[in-house]
Amino acid sequence: MPKVMAVIPQICGNHHLRYTGTLIVGRYSSWVNQHPDTLSDALTFVIQGLNHPETASSAALSFKFLCEGCTHHLLQPHYLDNIFNLYSNSHLLTLPDQLEVTEGLCQCVSALPPDKVLEASMQLVMPLGKVLQESVTDNAKDTSAMKVALDKLAHFFRTLNPRANQEPEVVRSACVEIMKKLWVLFDKIIEKFKEPGYDAEMEKLCRCWKYGMRKSLQHFAPLLPQLLTSLVNVFKVSPRSCFMYTVSVCVDSFHSYTEVQGLLQSVYTSFVEKTLTLLQDKNSFIEQPEIVEDFFDMVTRFLIRYPEFVMRSPSLIEVWTCGLKGCTLEHKQSFVAVISFYREVVLQKNNGACNDMTKQILQSPYGQPLIDNMFMGLSGEVVETRVKYIITLLMTCKQSCPEVSTQLFVNALQKLPAVHGPTKEEFLQVFFSSDQARAQKNICQDLSEAYRRKKYAKVQ
């Protein structure tokens, strides 16, 4: 290995050799870490590779690996100055390569002495803030520079590594300080780009919030009311799926904080009320799959975190009936989100505070349409690869409310035509008498396959 590492930095001219040599340096960064006398030449070789389009991608990747493998050596002032200078010129690279460089430098910043972390972090982020400032004050419609800056900012939050520091909370706190510094720009971005046509911009901003929140953990709590207020206000005039996903991240991260519980529940109510006006018929489900996916995912997360609140909310039945329009969607993620919502409601039968409510919903006029839709899906209304999600929901109904489910299943099966395969009686016998999950799954699959064969035969 010493001979290889001595030869590689001397490669020049042949881009193919240089590309491969650069990857080797990155792959063996742990060896370089154990032989710090080779680091200077290896780092210089990699940085030079960033100047050539043919080797830039391999150089960016290897730079990241060197930063991860040789972090503590690179914290020496002469190395640190070089890599910060590299970062300041990295905007000339493609975005994927810029993100690799950012990730490598974040590893070094995370490992700095605690009193240096915030200053170094600001040094990385402030150039991005300048781009954001120009974007919100410029009348031009081109947002490409802003989108790149938001991508890099989100990646910065995502790849900071508190565990690399002797005081991890210092790194988490630095994330919050940066977000405070940039918050006024975030508000201006929302105001300027809230109109239709800027979905990508809003999505990238939400990613900054998501990763900043997850990285800073409890340090973000003081900013949560400000974020939620902004989301509620913008969602009323510009409902986007990314705003719902951000709220989902908020409830996952801060549901245990009693001081924001009321606010989170108020946001839930506001978002549900608005979204129900968007999903009025089946076509609206088909045309807005992202809204469907993130809406039912948000409701499910609130149901997990605040089960009694959601189960007792007046809007639960509205959400339940709304979801019936999406039980046979072709879009996989939105279909799975809808089915997961129903399964979580049924699972509340095992929650002492909500068990009677689950039974009441299934016994109400709203329970039968759900089961009818599930058996329609089994019989061929949904693609075969989605059947497993339907089976899981049916098994959950049986386990949680066996008496109620039996009658609902009987009613649903009566609406289906006869088929060569398991009879309806055989299906009910096996499904409800067996305690083996495998037997229940098999009989569902057998019934589904029988109906699909019949459907295929008709087409032929």
Protein backbone atom coordinates (compact mmCIF):
# COMPACT_ATOMS: atom_id res chain seq x y z
CA MET A 1 0.00 0.00 0.00
CA PRO A 2 2.75 2.55 0.72
CA LYS A 3 4.07 2.19 -2.84
CA VAL A 4 0.59 2.61 -4.32
CA MET A 5 -0.08 5.74 -2.27
CA ALA A 6 3.29 7.15 -3.27
CA VAL A 7 2.60 6.64 -6.99
CA ILE A 8 -1.02 7.83 -7.18
CA PRO A 9 -0.36 11.55 -6.47
CA GLN A 10 2.08 11.54 -9.40
CA ILE A 11 -0.58 10.56 -11.93
CA CYS A 12 -1.31 13.29 -14.43
CA GLY A 13 -2.65 13.59 -17.95
CA ASN A 14 -4.56 10.34 -18.25
CA HIS A 15 -8.05 11.07 -16.88
CA HIS A 16 -9.01 7.42 -16.70
CA LEU A 17 -6.05 6.60 -14.47
CA ARG A 18 -6.59 9.71 -12.42
CA TYR A 19 -10.28 8.86 -11.94
CA THR A 20 -9.41 5.37 -10.66
CA GLY A 21 -6.51 6.61 -8.55
CA THR A 22 -8.75 9.20 -6.91
CA LEU A 23 -11.28 6.55 -5.95
CA ILE A 24 -8.51 4.43 -4.46
CA VAL A 25 -7.43 7.32 -2.23
CA GLY A 26 -10.97 7.68 -0.92
CA ARG A 27 -11.46 3.97 -0.47
CA TYR A 28 -8.33 3.69 1.64
CA SER A 29 -8.81 6.87 3.69
CA SER A 30 -8.53 4.80 6.87
CA TRP A 31 -5.01 3.77 5.78
CA VAL A 32 -4.16 7.41 5.09
CA ASN A 33 -5.42 8.22 8.59
CA GLN A 34 -2.95 5.72 10.03
CA HIS A 35 -0.13 7.19 7.89
CA PRO A 36 -0.63 10.95 8.23
CA ASP A 37 2.59 11.68 6.36
CA THR A 38 0.70 10.71 3.17
CA LEU A 39 -2.32 12.93 3.83
CA SER A 40 -0.95 16.14 2.34
CA ASP A 41 -0.15 14.61 -1.05
CA ALA A 42 -3.38 12.58 -1.09
CA LEU A 43 -5.54 15.61 -0.28
CA THR A 44 -3.77 17.80 -2.84
CA PHE A 45 -4.26 15.13 -5.50
CA VAL A 46 -7.97 14.83 -4.72
CA ILE A 47 -8.55 18.59 -4.66
CA GLN A 48 -6.79 18.99 -8.00
CA GLY A 49 -9.14 16.38 -9.44
CA LEU A 50 -12.08 18.68 -8.70
CA ASN A 51 -10.78 21.07 -11.36
CA HIS A 52 -11.31 18.58 -14.18
CA PRO A 53 -14.81 17.58 -15.34
CA GLU A 54 -13.63 14.04 -16.07
CA THR A 55 -12.51 13.43 -12.49
CA ALA A 56 -14.65 15.86 -10.48
CA SER A 57 -17.22 13.27 -9.36
CA SER A 58 -14.61 10.81 -8.13
CA ALA A 59 -12.67 13.62 -6.46
CA ALA A 60 -15.76 14.92 -4.63
CA LEU A 61 -16.55 11.42 -3.36
CA SER A 62 -12.97 10.80 -2.27
CA PHE A 63 -12.81 14.20 -0.57
CA LYS A 64 -15.82 13.19 1.52
CA PHE A 65 -14.19 9.89 2.46
CA LEU A 66 -10.92 11.60 3.38
CA CYS A 67 -12.82 14.00 5.64
CA GLU A 68 -14.62 11.11 7.29
CA GLY A 69 -11.53 8.91 7.64
CA CYS A 70 -8.96 11.55 8.57
CA THR A 71 -11.12 14.03 10.47
CA HIS A 72 -8.81 14.80 13.36
CA HIS A 73 -5.76 15.29 11.15
CA LEU A 74 -7.73 17.69 8.94
CA LEU A 75 -8.57 19.87 11.94
CA GLN A 76 -5.02 21.21 11.86
CA PRO A 77 -5.18 24.88 10.79
CA HIS A 78 -3.31 24.54 7.48
CA TYR A 79 -5.57 21.68 6.35
CA LEU A 80 -8.73 23.37 7.59
CA ASP A 81 -7.94 26.57 5.69
CA ASN A 82 -7.43 24.60 2.49
CA ILE A 83 -10.71 22.71 2.69
CA PHE A 84 -12.67 25.85 3.56
CA ASN A 85 -11.15 27.54 0.51
CA LEU A 86 -12.20 24.52 -1.52
CA TYR A 87 -15.77 24.86 -0.22
CA SER A 88 -15.93 28.53 -1.17
CA ASN A 89 -15.23 27.56 -4.81
CA SER A 90 -17.35 24.41 -4.87
CA HIS A 91 -20.30 26.24 -6.51
CA LEU A 92 -18.55 25.58 -9.83
CA LEU A 93 -19.19 21.83 -9.42
CA THR A 94 -22.37 19.93 -10.23
CA LEU A 95 -24.90 19.83 -7.40
CA PRO A 96 -24.24 16.17 -6.47
CA ASP A 97 -20.52 16.94 -6.22
CA GLN A 98 -21.22 20.06 -4.17
CA LEU A 99 -23.21 17.95 -1.74
CA GLU A 100 -20.35 15.46 -1.38
CA VAL A 101 -17.96 18.30 -0.55
CA THR A 102 -20.46 19.77 1.91
CA GLU A 103 -20.88 16.43 3.63
CA GLY A 104 -17.14 15.98 4.02
CA LEU A 105 -16.64 19.43 5.45
CA CYS A 106 -19.58 18.95 7.84
CA GLN A 107 -17.78 15.98 9.32
CA CYS A 108 -14.77 18.17 10.07
CA VAL A 109 -16.85 21.03 11.45
CA SER A 110 -18.71 18.62 13.73
CA ALA A 111 -15.42 17.47 15.28
CA LEU A 112 -14.00 20.93 15.98
CA PRO A 113 -13.46 22.10 19.57
CA PRO A 114 -16.87 23.06 20.98
CA ASP A 115 -16.11 26.78 21.03
CA LYS A 116 -15.31 26.71 17.29
CA VAL A 117 -18.34 24.80 15.98
CA LEU A 118 -20.80 27.67 15.63
CA GLU A 119 -18.28 29.99 13.97
CA ALA A 120 -17.25 27.35 11.44
CA SER A 121 -20.86 26.41 10.78
CA MET A 122 -21.72 30.02 10.08
CA GLN A 123 -18.79 30.18 7.69
CA LEU A 124 -20.35 27.35 5.71
CA VAL A 125 -23.92 28.61 5.79
CA MET A 126 -23.66 32.38 5.36
CA PRO A 127 -22.78 32.19 1.63
CA LEU A 128 -25.98 30.21 1.19
CA GLY A 129 -27.87 32.84 3.15
CA LYS A 130 -26.55 35.47 0.79
CA VAL A 131 -27.95 33.55 -2.18
CA LEU A 132 -31.32 33.25 -0.44
CA GLN A 133 -31.30 36.97 0.31
CA GLU A 134 -30.66 37.81 -3.32
CA SER A 135 -33.41 35.44 -4.43
CA VAL A 136 -36.11 37.03 -2.27
CA THR A 137 -35.14 40.59 -3.19
CA ASP A 138 -34.55 40.02 -6.90
CA ASN A 139 -37.53 40.46 -9.23
CA ALA A 140 -36.24 37.78 -11.58
CA LYS A 141 -38.24 34.56 -11.82
CA ASP A 142 -35.22 32.24 -12.08
CA THR A 143 -34.98 30.34 -8.78
CA SER A 144 -32.28 27.85 -9.76
CA ALA A 145 -29.62 29.43 -7.51
CA MET A 146 -32.03 29.51 -4.58
CA LYS A 147 -32.95 25.86 -5.05
CA VAL A 148 -29.28 24.86 -5.04
CA ALA A 149 -28.70 26.90 -1.88
CA LEU A 150 -31.67 25.25 -0.16
CA ASP A 151 -30.43 21.81 -1.21
CA LYS A 152 -27.00 22.54 0.24
CA LEU A 153 -28.48 23.98 3.43
CA ALA A 154 -30.68 20.92 3.94
CA HIS A 155 -27.66 18.67 3.32
CA PHE A 156 -25.65 20.69 5.83
CA PHE A 157 -28.25 20.05 8.54
CA ARG A 158 -28.60 16.43 7.49
CA THR A 159 -24.90 15.57 7.60
CA LEU A 160 -23.69 17.46 10.66
CA ASN A 161 -22.61 14.78 13.10
CA PRO A 162 -23.05 15.63 16.79
CA ARG A 163 -21.54 12.29 17.80
CA ALA A 164 -18.22 13.39 16.30
CA ASN A 165 -17.94 16.12 18.94
CA GLN A 166 -16.91 15.74 22.57
CA GLU A 167 -19.96 17.90 23.40
CA PRO A 168 -22.72 16.75 20.99
CA GLU A 169 -25.22 19.30 22.23
CA VAL A 170 -22.98 22.09 20.99
CA VAL A 171 -23.47 20.87 17.42
CA ARG A 172 -27.24 20.58 17.91
CA SER A 173 -27.37 24.07 19.38
CA ALA A 174 -25.40 25.44 16.42
CA CYS A 175 -28.12 24.15 14.09
CA VAL A 176 -30.73 26.16 15.95
CA GLU A 177 -28.62 29.31 15.97
CA ILE A 178 -28.22 29.04 12.21
CA MET A 179 -31.96 28.56 11.73
CA LYS A 180 -32.66 31.62 13.88
CA LYS A 181 -30.27 33.61 11.73
CA LEU A 182 -31.96 32.49 8.52
CA TRP A 183 -35.56 32.50 9.70
CA VAL A 184 -36.44 35.88 8.28
CA LEU A 185 -35.31 34.60 4.88
CA PHE A 186 -37.44 31.49 5.28
CA ASP A 187 -40.47 33.70 5.91
CA LYS A 188 -39.69 35.80 2.85
CA ILE A 189 -39.33 32.68 0.68
CA ILE A 190 -42.77 31.50 1.80
CA GLU A 191 -44.32 34.87 1.09
CA LYS A 192 -42.73 35.27 -2.33
CA PHE A 193 -43.14 31.71 -3.61
CA LYS A 194 -46.39 30.56 -2.00
CA GLU A 195 -48.32 30.80 -5.27
CA PRO A 196 -48.80 27.77 -7.57
CA GLY A 197 -45.81 26.91 -9.74
CA TYR A 198 -43.22 26.92 -6.98
CA ASP A 199 -43.73 23.47 -5.51
CA ALA A 200 -40.05 22.53 -5.81
CA GLU A 201 -38.98 25.65 -3.92
CA MET A 202 -41.40 24.95 -1.06
CA GLU A 203 -40.39 21.29 -0.95
CA LYS A 204 -36.72 22.22 -0.59
CA LEU A 205 -37.49 24.75 2.16
CA CYS A 206 -39.43 22.09 4.06
CA ARG A 207 -36.45 19.76 3.78
CA CYS A 208 -34.33 22.41 5.52
CA TRP A 209 -36.83 22.54 8.37
CA LYS A 210 -37.07 18.76 8.54
CA TYR A 211 -33.35 18.09 8.78
CA GLY A 212 -32.69 21.11 10.97
CA MET A 213 -35.39 19.95 13.38
CA ARG A 214 -34.21 16.36 13.47
CA LYS A 215 -30.61 17.33 13.99
CA SER A 216 -31.19 19.90 16.74
CA LEU A 217 -33.78 17.83 18.64
CA GLN A 218 -34.93 19.54 21.84
CA HIS A 219 -33.00 22.72 21.01
CA PHE A 220 -35.55 23.40 18.26
CA ALA A 221 -38.51 23.48 20.65
CA PRO A 222 -38.50 27.29 21.14
CA LEU A 223 -38.80 27.74 17.35
CA LEU A 224 -41.66 25.27 16.97
CA PRO A 225 -44.55 27.73 17.60
CA GLN A 226 -43.11 30.08 15.00
CA LEU A 227 -42.79 27.28 12.44
CA LEU A 228 -46.27 25.90 13.06
CA THR A 229 -47.85 29.33 12.83
CA SER A 230 -46.15 29.93 9.48
CA LEU A 231 -47.29 26.53 8.20
CA VAL A 232 -50.91 27.09 9.21
CA ASN A 233 -51.03 30.51 7.58
CA VAL A 234 -49.49 29.41 4.29
CA PHE A 235 -51.47 26.16 4.12
CA LYS A 236 -54.74 28.06 4.22
CA VAL A 237 -53.90 29.90 1.00
CA SER A 238 -51.47 27.44 -0.61
CA PRO A 239 -52.06 23.85 0.51
CA ARG A 240 -49.07 21.69 -0.36
CA SER A 241 -48.18 18.15 0.62
CA CYS A 242 -44.73 19.18 1.87
CA PHE A 243 -46.31 21.36 4.56
CA MET A 244 -48.25 18.35 5.86
CA TYR A 245 -45.10 16.26 5.89
CA THR A 246 -43.34 18.96 7.90
CA VAL A 247 -46.16 18.92 10.43
CA SER A 248 -45.77 15.12 10.62
CA VAL A 249 -42.10 15.58 11.47
CA CYS A 250 -43.08 18.11 14.14
CA VAL A 251 -45.54 15.76 15.86
CA ASP A 252 -43.08 12.86 15.74
CA SER A 253 -40.35 15.00 17.25
CA PHE A 254 -42.27 16.99 19.86
CA HIS A 255 -45.42 15.08 20.81
CA SER A 256 -44.06 14.51 24.31
CA TYR A 257 -43.65 18.24 24.96
CA THR A 258 -46.79 19.16 26.90
CA GLU A 259 -46.26 22.88 26.31
CA VAL A 260 -46.84 22.49 22.55
CA GLN A 261 -49.44 19.71 22.63
CA GLY A 262 -52.36 22.11 22.29
CA LEU A 263 -50.68 23.95 19.44
CA LEU A 264 -49.92 20.73 17.54
CA GLN A 265 -53.50 19.58 17.92
CA SER A 266 -54.77 22.95 16.72
CA VAL A 267 -52.55 22.68 13.64
CA TYR A 268 -53.93 19.19 13.00
CA THR A 269 -57.49 20.48 13.09
CA SER A 270 -56.67 23.34 10.71
CA PHE A 271 -54.87 21.09 8.21
CA VAL A 272 -57.62 18.45 8.24
CA GLU A 273 -60.34 21.04 7.71
CA LYS A 274 -58.53 22.51 4.68
CA THR A 275 -57.50 19.18 3.13
CA LEU A 276 -61.01 17.74 3.25
CA THR A 277 -62.09 20.54 0.92
CA LEU A 278 -59.44 19.41 -1.57
CA LEU A 279 -60.42 15.72 -1.64
CA GLN A 280 -64.05 15.85 -2.61
CA ASP A 281 -64.24 13.00 -5.12
CA LYS A 282 -62.23 10.13 -6.56
CA ASN A 283 -60.78 12.29 -9.33
CA SER A 284 -59.27 14.62 -6.74
CA PHE A 285 -57.53 11.59 -5.21
CA ILE A 286 -56.17 10.55 -8.60
CA GLU A 287 -55.01 14.05 -9.53
CA GLN A 288 -53.36 14.85 -6.17
CA PRO A 289 -51.55 11.68 -5.02
CA GLU A 290 -48.96 13.63 -3.01
CA ILE A 291 -51.69 15.42 -1.06
CA VAL A 292 -53.43 12.09 -0.38
CA GLU A 293 -50.23 10.39 0.75
CA ASP A 294 -49.02 13.10 3.09
CA PHE A 295 -52.49 13.88 4.45
CA PHE A 296 -53.29 10.32 5.54
CA ASP A 297 -49.72 9.86 6.74
CA MET A 298 -50.10 12.99 8.89
CA VAL A 299 -53.42 11.81 10.33
CA THR A 300 -51.90 8.40 11.10
CA ARG A 301 -48.93 9.93 12.89
CA PHE A 302 -51.22 12.10 15.01
CA LEU A 303 -53.34 9.03 15.72
CA ILE A 304 -50.25 7.20 16.99
CA ARG A 305 -49.05 10.12 19.09
CA TYR A 306 -52.41 11.50 20.30
CA PRO A 307 -54.84 8.59 19.90
CA GLU A 308 -57.59 9.83 22.18
CA PHE A 309 -57.56 13.31 20.66
CA VAL A 310 -57.88 12.03 17.09
CA MET A 311 -60.39 9.29 17.90
CA ARG A 312 -62.64 11.79 19.67
CA SER A 313 -62.22 14.59 17.15
CA PRO A 314 -65.37 15.49 15.18
CA SER A 315 -63.40 15.22 11.94
CA LEU A 316 -62.49 11.52 12.32
CA ILE A 317 -65.62 10.27 10.56
CA GLU A 318 -65.09 12.84 7.80
CA VAL A 319 -61.54 11.59 7.28
CA TRP A 320 -62.79 7.98 7.36
CA THR A 321 -65.42 8.59 4.67
CA CYS A 322 -62.96 10.68 2.65
CA GLY A 323 -60.49 7.79 2.60
CA LEU A 324 -63.06 5.45 1.07
CA LYS A 325 -62.49 7.24 -2.24
CA GLY A 326 -58.84 6.14 -2.17
CA CYS A 327 -59.16 2.45 -1.33
CA THR A 328 -58.47 1.35 -4.91
CA LEU A 329 -55.92 3.97 -5.98
CA GLU A 330 -53.24 2.97 -8.48
CA HIS A 331 -50.65 5.30 -6.93
CA LYS A 332 -48.83 3.02 -4.50
CA GLN A 333 -47.72 5.48 -1.81
CA SER A 334 -51.11 7.17 -1.52
CA PHE A 335 -52.90 3.80 -1.47
CA VAL A 336 -50.62 2.52 1.30
CA ALA A 337 -51.13 5.74 3.30
CA VAL A 338 -54.91 5.35 3.14
CA ILE A 339 -54.83 1.67 4.17
CA SER A 340 -52.36 2.43 6.98
CA PHE A 341 -54.76 5.06 8.35
CA TYR A 342 -57.62 2.58 8.54
CA ARG A 343 -55.41 -0.05 10.12
CA GLU A 344 -54.26 2.38 12.80
CA VAL A 345 -57.87 3.30 13.62
CA VAL A 346 -58.77 -0.37 13.96
CA LEU A 347 -55.71 -0.98 16.14
CA GLN A 348 -57.08 1.54 18.64
CA LYS A 349 -59.42 -1.26 19.75
CA ASN A 350 -56.44 -2.36 21.84
CA ASN A 351 -56.14 1.10 23.38
CA GLY A 352 -58.13 1.19 26.60
CA ALA A 353 -59.17 4.81 26.14
CA CYS A 354 -60.43 4.29 22.58
CA ASN A 355 -61.48 0.64 22.28
CA ASP A 356 -65.22 1.26 22.25
CA MET A 357 -64.86 3.96 19.61
CA THR A 358 -63.22 1.61 17.10
CA LYS A 359 -66.05 -0.87 17.51
CA GLN A 360 -68.63 1.88 17.12
CA ILE A 361 -67.09 3.06 13.85
CA LEU A 362 -67.01 -0.45 12.39
CA GLN A 363 -70.61 -1.05 13.47
CA SER A 364 -71.75 2.29 12.08
CA PRO A 365 -72.85 2.80 8.45
CA TYR A 366 -69.22 3.75 7.72
CA GLY A 367 -67.70 0.35 8.54
CA GLN A 368 -69.32 -1.75 5.84
CA PRO A 369 -68.14 0.42 2.89
CA LEU A 370 -64.55 -0.02 4.02
CA ILE A 371 -64.78 -3.80 4.13
CA ASP A 372 -66.67 -3.82 0.82
CA ASN A 373 -63.83 -1.88 -0.76
CA MET A 374 -61.25 -4.27 0.68
CA PHE A 375 -62.97 -7.30 -0.85
CA MET A 376 -63.36 -5.45 -4.14
CA GLY A 377 -59.61 -4.93 -4.01
CA LEU A 378 -59.06 -8.63 -3.36
CA SER A 379 -61.28 -9.48 -6.32
CA GLY A 380 -59.15 -7.48 -8.73
CA GLU A 381 -59.90 -3.78 -8.30
CA VAL A 382 -56.32 -3.14 -7.16
CA VAL A 383 -53.13 -4.49 -8.68
CA GLU A 384 -51.95 -7.81 -7.30
CA THR A 385 -48.88 -6.37 -5.58
CA ARG A 386 -51.14 -4.27 -3.27
CA VAL A 387 -53.16 -7.23 -2.04
CA LYS A 388 -50.77 -7.77 0.88
CA TYR A 389 -51.77 -4.40 2.36
CA ILE A 390 -55.46 -5.29 2.13
CA ILE A 391 -54.80 -8.65 3.79
CA THR A 392 -52.98 -6.94 6.65
CA LEU A 393 -55.94 -4.64 7.25
CA LEU A 394 -58.44 -7.52 7.13
CA MET A 395 -56.35 -9.49 9.63
CA THR A 396 -56.18 -6.47 11.92
CA CYS A 397 -59.99 -6.16 11.81
CA LYS A 398 -60.34 -9.83 12.69
CA GLN A 399 -57.89 -9.61 15.58
CA SER A 400 -59.32 -6.39 17.02
CA CYS A 401 -63.07 -6.88 16.50
CA PRO A 402 -63.75 -10.50 15.49
CA GLU A 403 -67.53 -10.47 16.11
CA VAL A 404 -68.16 -7.25 14.21
CA SER A 405 -65.73 -8.21 11.43
CA THR A 406 -67.44 -11.55 10.84
CA GLN A 407 -70.75 -9.92 9.90
CA LEU A 408 -69.02 -7.24 7.82
CA PHE A 409 -67.08 -9.90 5.91
CA VAL A 410 -70.24 -11.95 5.30
CA ASN A 411 -72.04 -8.89 3.92
CA ALA A 412 -69.11 -7.98 1.67
CA LEU A 413 -68.74 -11.51 0.28
CA GLN A 414 -72.44 -11.66 -0.56
CA LYS A 415 -71.92 -8.78 -2.99
CA LEU A 416 -69.26 -10.68 -4.94
CA PRO A 417 -70.12 -13.23 -7.65
CA ALA A 418 -69.39 -16.91 -7.22
CA VAL A 419 -65.98 -18.08 -8.31
CA HIS A 420 -64.08 -21.35 -8.87
CA GLY A 421 -61.82 -21.51 -5.88
CA PRO A 422 -62.40 -21.23 -2.15
CA THR A 423 -66.12 -20.84 -1.52
CA LYS A 424 -67.23 -17.91 0.58
CA GLU A 425 -68.09 -20.31 3.40
CA GLU A 426 -64.65 -21.93 3.21
CA PHE A 427 -63.01 -18.52 3.27
CA LEU A 428 -64.91 -17.45 6.40
CA GLN A 429 -64.28 -20.77 8.11
CA VAL A 430 -60.52 -20.70 7.56
CA PHE A 431 -60.05 -16.99 8.15
CA PHE A 432 -61.93 -16.79 11.46
CA SER A 433 -61.21 -20.22 12.91
CA SER A 434 -57.47 -20.26 12.36
CA ASP A 435 -55.09 -18.50 14.71
CA GLN A 436 -52.25 -18.92 12.25
CA ALA A 437 -51.42 -15.75 10.32
CA ARG A 438 -50.05 -17.83 7.46
CA ALA A 439 -53.36 -19.67 7.01
CA GLN A 440 -55.28 -16.36 6.99
CA LYS A 441 -52.94 -14.87 4.41
CA ASN A 442 -53.08 -17.96 2.23
CA ILE A 443 -56.88 -18.11 2.10
CA CYS A 444 -57.02 -14.40 1.21
CA GLN A 445 -54.48 -14.91 -1.54
CA ASP A 446 -56.33 -17.97 -2.84
CA LEU A 447 -59.58 -16.03 -3.01
CA SER A 448 -57.89 -13.10 -4.73
CA GLU A 449 -56.20 -15.35 -7.30
CA ALA A 450 -59.49 -17.09 -8.06
CA TYR A 451 -61.22 -13.81 -8.85
CA ARG A 452 -58.28 -12.61 -10.91
CA ARG A 453 -58.29 -15.81 -12.96
CA LYS A 454 -61.97 -15.29 -13.63
CA LYS A 455 -61.39 -11.69 -14.60
CA TYR A 456 -58.53 -12.69 -16.91
CA ALA A 457 -60.63 -15.41 -18.53
CA LYS A 458 -63.33 -12.88 -19.38
CA VAL A 459 -60.75 -10.64 -21.06
CA GLN A 460 -59.53 -13.61 -23.12
